[in-house]
Every structure is written in structure tokens, then in C-alpha cells.
Amino acid sequence: MQRSSIAENGTRVLQAAHCSQCKGYSFPASVPGCRHCGAAPEALTTVDCSRPVQLLNVITVHTALAPGIGVPAIIGEIELCPRVVEEVRIEAENEAAVPPGTWLMPVWSEDTDGGSWVFRPVPEKADPHQGDAE
């Protein structure tokens, strides 16, 4: 399993792993086993996480946290899947533009290291639940 795969239309898809034994989720999808119950990789299937998520917390970081992340950087916490909270890079003008509660969409961003996921605010008039299963 990989962190992302390529959809039929050529776009990248952010993915996590779902455990058939405990029904828990793990990220990234390439984990060596379930982070909740320890099930082997064979018990995991990939699930699509390319949907809007709500921002839980946000902060502006003024020190380089990792190669390729410029400063200042807007970093936020999101619940990518049930019980999987991740820190992500947010693409916005400033922290005030993305208060907690803002809906964000994962977008693949190419860079000199091959690329990474960034999260962008969903336009206010868009339905944040677009694409959710009913």
C-alpha cells in the first residue's frame, strides 16, 4: 500500500489503511500493520481520504520542521479518518484565514522532492460533504 495512488483521471488520491479485524484506520496506507490491534498488513485495505476534512487546530510555525517546508508555515490538525488525527501543511495566506472549523481539501503539490500533500480551504459555497457515501 502507498500513501496515495493515481485515479483513473490521473490525479493522486490520498489513502489510509482500514483494518478488517478491528475496523480501525491507520495512516499512511503503507503501514506494516494495524496501529490499533497489530493485525498483519494482509488484514488492511486502502481507503480513499480525498475528501474535505474539518480543521481542529492551527498554528504558524517559524522554524523549518522538515526539508521542503518553507517558513513561516501554517500547520493544522485534522481528523483524516476516525481516530486518526494528523498534522498537515495548510496552504493559506495566513493563520487568520483558516480558523478551527474551516473545511480543508487535500491537494497533491509537486515540488523538487517529488511532491507532498497540502490542504486548501474549501470555498464557502461548496458543499464540504461532496463525495461522501450515503
C-alpha atoms as a PDB file:
ATOM      1  CA  MET A   1       0.000   0.000   0.000  1.00  0.00           C
ATOM      2  CA  GLN A   2       1.103   3.560  -0.663  1.00  0.00           C
ATOM      3  CA  ARG A   3       0.226   6.957   0.787  1.00  0.00           C
ATOM      4  CA  SER A   4      -1.526   7.770  -2.444  1.00  0.00           C
ATOM      5  CA  SER A   5      -2.437   6.174  -5.698  1.00  0.00           C
ATOM      6  CA  ILE A   6      -3.323   7.513  -9.101  1.00  0.00           C
ATOM      7  CA  ALA A   7      -7.029   7.715 -10.003  1.00  0.00           C
ATOM      8  CA  GLU A   8      -8.321   6.880 -13.476  1.00  0.00           C
ATOM      9  CA  ASN A   9      -8.336  10.590 -14.352  1.00  0.00           C
ATOM     10  CA  GLY A  10      -4.617  10.849 -13.464  1.00  0.00           C
ATOM     11  CA  THR A  11      -4.984  12.694 -10.154  1.00  0.00           C
ATOM     12  CA  ARG A  12      -3.427  11.468  -6.921  1.00  0.00           C
ATOM     13  CA  VAL A  13      -5.661  10.017  -4.214  1.00  0.00           C
ATOM     14  CA  LEU A  14      -4.767  10.362  -0.519  1.00  0.00           C
ATOM     15  CA  GLN A  15      -5.227   6.999   1.179  1.00  0.00           C
ATOM     16  CA  ALA A  16      -5.231   5.404   4.622  1.00  0.00           C
ATOM     17  CA  ALA A  17      -5.457   1.754   5.685  1.00  0.00           C
ATOM     18  CA  HIS A  18      -8.604   0.141   7.126  1.00  0.00           C
ATOM     19  CA  CYS A  19      -8.310  -2.982   9.285  1.00  0.00           C
ATOM     20  CA  SER A  20     -10.748  -5.818   8.607  1.00  0.00           C
ATOM     21  CA  GLN A  21     -10.179  -7.193  12.128  1.00  0.00           C
ATOM     22  CA  CYS A  22     -10.741  -4.197  14.433  1.00  0.00           C
ATOM     23  CA  LYS A  23     -12.224  -1.756  11.888  1.00  0.00           C
ATOM     24  CA  GLY A  24      -9.599   0.844  12.855  1.00  0.00           C
ATOM     25  CA  TYR A  25      -7.776   3.181  10.471  1.00  0.00           C
ATOM     26  CA  SER A  26      -4.037   3.750  10.106  1.00  0.00           C
ATOM     27  CA  PHE A  27      -2.012   6.357   8.211  1.00  0.00           C
ATOM     28  CA  PRO A  28      -0.123   6.244   5.972  1.00  0.00           C
ATOM     29  CA  ALA A  29      -1.677   3.418   3.959  1.00  0.00           C
ATOM     30  CA  SER A  30       1.753   1.772   3.714  1.00  0.00           C
ATOM     31  CA  VAL A  31       1.873   0.910   7.445  1.00  0.00           C
ATOM     32  CA  PRO A  32       3.399  -2.502   8.310  1.00  0.00           C
ATOM     33  CA  GLY A  33       0.286  -3.473  10.302  1.00  0.00           C
ATOM     34  CA  CYS A  34      -2.735  -2.057  12.088  1.00  0.00           C
ATOM     35  CA  ARG A  35      -1.755   0.650  14.590  1.00  0.00           C
ATOM     36  CA  HIS A  36      -4.737  -0.266  16.785  1.00  0.00           C
ATOM     37  CA  CYS A  37      -4.745  -4.065  17.071  1.00  0.00           C
ATOM     38  CA  GLY A  38      -1.438  -5.049  15.434  1.00  0.00           C
ATOM     39  CA  ALA A  39      -3.059  -7.071  12.634  1.00  0.00           C
ATOM     40  CA  ALA A  40      -0.765  -8.065   9.763  1.00  0.00           C
ATOM     41  CA  PRO A  41      -0.697  -5.976   6.553  1.00  0.00           C
ATOM     42  CA  GLU A  42      -2.832  -8.615   4.825  1.00  0.00           C
ATOM     43  CA  ALA A  43      -5.773  -7.535   7.033  1.00  0.00           C
ATOM     44  CA  LEU A  44      -5.542  -3.954   5.741  1.00  0.00           C
ATOM     45  CA  THR A  45      -7.224  -2.424   2.710  1.00  0.00           C
ATOM     46  CA  THR A  46      -6.703   1.057   1.323  1.00  0.00           C
ATOM     47  CA  VAL A  47      -9.438   3.657   1.657  1.00  0.00           C
ATOM     48  CA  ASP A  48      -9.800   6.993  -0.089  1.00  0.00           C
ATOM     49  CA  CYS A  49      -9.207  10.054   2.112  1.00  0.00           C
ATOM     50  CA  SER A  50      -9.519  12.633  -0.684  1.00  0.00           C
ATOM     51  CA  ARG A  51     -12.494  14.409   0.815  1.00  0.00           C
ATOM     52  CA  PRO A  52     -12.979  17.628   2.781  1.00  0.00           C
ATOM     53  CA  VAL A  53     -11.961  17.473   6.450  1.00  0.00           C
ATOM     54  CA  GLN A  54     -12.502  19.980   9.229  1.00  0.00           C
ATOM     55  CA  LEU A  55      -9.571  21.840  10.772  1.00  0.00           C
ATOM     56  CA  LEU A  56      -9.257  21.133  14.514  1.00  0.00           C
ATOM     57  CA  ASN A  57      -6.308  23.389  15.467  1.00  0.00           C
ATOM     58  CA  VAL A  58      -3.934  25.671  13.593  1.00  0.00           C
ATOM     59  CA  ILE A  59      -0.587  27.343  14.257  1.00  0.00           C
ATOM     60  CA  THR A  60       2.009  29.267  12.280  1.00  0.00           C
ATOM     61  CA  VAL A  61       5.471  27.733  12.596  1.00  0.00           C
ATOM     62  CA  HIS A  62       8.513  29.977  12.120  1.00  0.00           C
ATOM     63  CA  THR A  63      11.215  27.270  12.192  1.00  0.00           C
ATOM     64  CA  ALA A  64      11.821  24.701   9.451  1.00  0.00           C
ATOM     65  CA  LEU A  65      10.255  21.439  10.650  1.00  0.00           C
ATOM     66  CA  ALA A  66      11.319  19.296   7.714  1.00  0.00           C
ATOM     67  CA  PRO A  67      13.134  19.661   4.390  1.00  0.00           C
ATOM     68  CA  GLY A  68      10.954  21.295   1.751  1.00  0.00           C
ATOM     69  CA  ILE A  69       8.651  23.079   4.176  1.00  0.00           C
ATOM     70  CA  GLY A  70       9.256  26.807   3.917  1.00  0.00           C
ATOM     71  CA  VAL A  71       8.717  29.155   6.831  1.00  0.00           C
ATOM     72  CA  PRO A  72       6.555  30.597   8.028  1.00  0.00           C
ATOM     73  CA  ALA A  73       4.365  27.522   7.550  1.00  0.00           C
ATOM     74  CA  ILE A  74       0.742  27.103   8.539  1.00  0.00           C
ATOM     75  CA  ILE A  75       0.303  23.720  10.221  1.00  0.00           C
ATOM     76  CA  GLY A  76      -3.011  22.306  11.352  1.00  0.00           C
ATOM     77  CA  GLU A  77      -4.504  19.220  12.932  1.00  0.00           C
ATOM     78  CA  ILE A  78      -7.235  17.317  11.088  1.00  0.00           C
ATOM     79  CA  GLU A  79      -9.052  14.047  11.689  1.00  0.00           C
ATOM     80  CA  LEU A  80      -8.138  12.274   8.455  1.00  0.00           C
ATOM     81  CA  CYS A  81     -10.140   9.152   9.356  1.00  0.00           C
ATOM     82  CA  PRO A  82     -11.984   8.170  12.535  1.00  0.00           C
ATOM     83  CA  ARG A  83      -9.454   8.301  15.421  1.00  0.00           C
ATOM     84  CA  VAL A  84      -6.562   9.309  13.113  1.00  0.00           C
ATOM     85  CA  VAL A  85      -5.513  12.906  13.843  1.00  0.00           C
ATOM     86  CA  GLU A  86      -2.644  14.163  11.688  1.00  0.00           C
ATOM     87  CA  GLU A  87      -0.655  17.389  11.464  1.00  0.00           C
ATOM     88  CA  VAL A  88      -0.787  18.766   7.925  1.00  0.00           C
ATOM     89  CA  ARG A  89       0.545  21.700   5.943  1.00  0.00           C
ATOM     90  CA  ILE A  90      -2.141  24.232   5.057  1.00  0.00           C
ATOM     91  CA  GLU A  91      -1.988  26.476   2.013  1.00  0.00           C
ATOM     92  CA  ALA A  92      -3.486  29.818   3.024  1.00  0.00           C
ATOM     93  CA  GLU A  93      -2.482  33.476   3.137  1.00  0.00           C
ATOM     94  CA  ASN A  94      -2.185  33.410   6.921  1.00  0.00           C
ATOM     95  CA  GLU A  95      -3.442  31.623  10.019  1.00  0.00           C
ATOM     96  CA  ALA A  96      -6.391  34.025  10.403  1.00  0.00           C
ATOM     97  CA  ALA A  97      -7.729  32.845   7.018  1.00  0.00           C
ATOM     98  CA  VAL A  98      -8.143  29.273   8.327  1.00  0.00           C
ATOM     99  CA  PRO A  99      -9.597  29.278  11.848  1.00  0.00           C
ATOM    100  CA  PRO A 100     -10.523  25.985  13.520  1.00  0.00           C
ATOM    101  CA  GLY A 101     -13.683  24.648  11.908  1.00  0.00           C
ATOM    102  CA  THR A 102     -12.568  25.557   8.374  1.00  0.00           C
ATOM    103  CA  TRP A 103     -13.179  22.786   5.830  1.00  0.00           C
ATOM    104  CA  LEU A 104      -9.996  21.747   4.004  1.00  0.00           C
ATOM    105  CA  MET A 105      -9.379  19.590   0.938  1.00  0.00           C
ATOM    106  CA  PRO A 106      -6.167  17.555   0.389  1.00  0.00           C
ATOM    107  CA  VAL A 107      -4.332  18.548  -2.798  1.00  0.00           C
ATOM    108  CA  TRP A 108      -1.146  16.986  -4.193  1.00  0.00           C
ATOM    109  CA  SER A 109       1.573  19.612  -4.681  1.00  0.00           C
ATOM    110  CA  GLU A 110       4.580  18.794  -6.870  1.00  0.00           C
ATOM    111  CA  ASP A 111       7.944  20.037  -5.618  1.00  0.00           C
ATOM    112  CA  THR A 112      11.657  19.329  -6.082  1.00  0.00           C
ATOM    113  CA  ASP A 113      11.401  16.328  -3.728  1.00  0.00           C
ATOM    114  CA  GLY A 114       8.621  14.749  -5.804  1.00  0.00           C
ATOM    115  CA  GLY A 115       5.633  16.260  -4.059  1.00  0.00           C
ATOM    116  CA  SER A 116       3.573  16.230  -0.899  1.00  0.00           C
ATOM    117  CA  TRP A 117       0.031  16.723   0.310  1.00  0.00           C
ATOM    118  CA  VAL A 118      -1.154  20.196   1.293  1.00  0.00           C
ATOM    119  CA  PHE A 119      -4.610  21.135   2.485  1.00  0.00           C
ATOM    120  CA  ARG A 120      -6.503  24.076   0.998  1.00  0.00           C
ATOM    121  CA  PRO A 121      -9.661  25.742   2.282  1.00  0.00           C
ATOM    122  CA  VAL A 122     -12.861  24.590   0.588  1.00  0.00           C
ATOM    123  CA  PRO A 123     -14.711  27.553  -0.949  1.00  0.00           C
ATOM    124  CA  GLU A 124     -17.532  28.579   1.411  1.00  0.00           C
ATOM    125  CA  LYS A 125     -20.242  27.966  -1.177  1.00  0.00           C
ATOM    126  CA  ALA A 126     -19.053  24.403  -1.848  1.00  0.00           C
ATOM    127  CA  ASP A 127     -20.689  21.514  -0.020  1.00  0.00           C
ATOM    128  CA  PRO A 128     -17.973  20.119   2.319  1.00  0.00           C
ATOM    129  CA  HIS A 129     -19.678  16.715   2.276  1.00  0.00           C
ATOM    130  CA  GLN A 130     -19.438  16.434  -1.508  1.00  0.00           C
ATOM    131  CA  GLY A 131     -18.494  12.890  -2.406  1.00  0.00           C
ATOM    132  CA  ASP A 132     -19.457  11.379   0.968  1.00  0.00           C
ATOM    133  CA  ALA A 133     -21.063   7.953   0.785  1.00  0.00           C
ATOM    134  CA  GLU A 134     -24.704   7.921   1.801  1.00  0.00           C
END
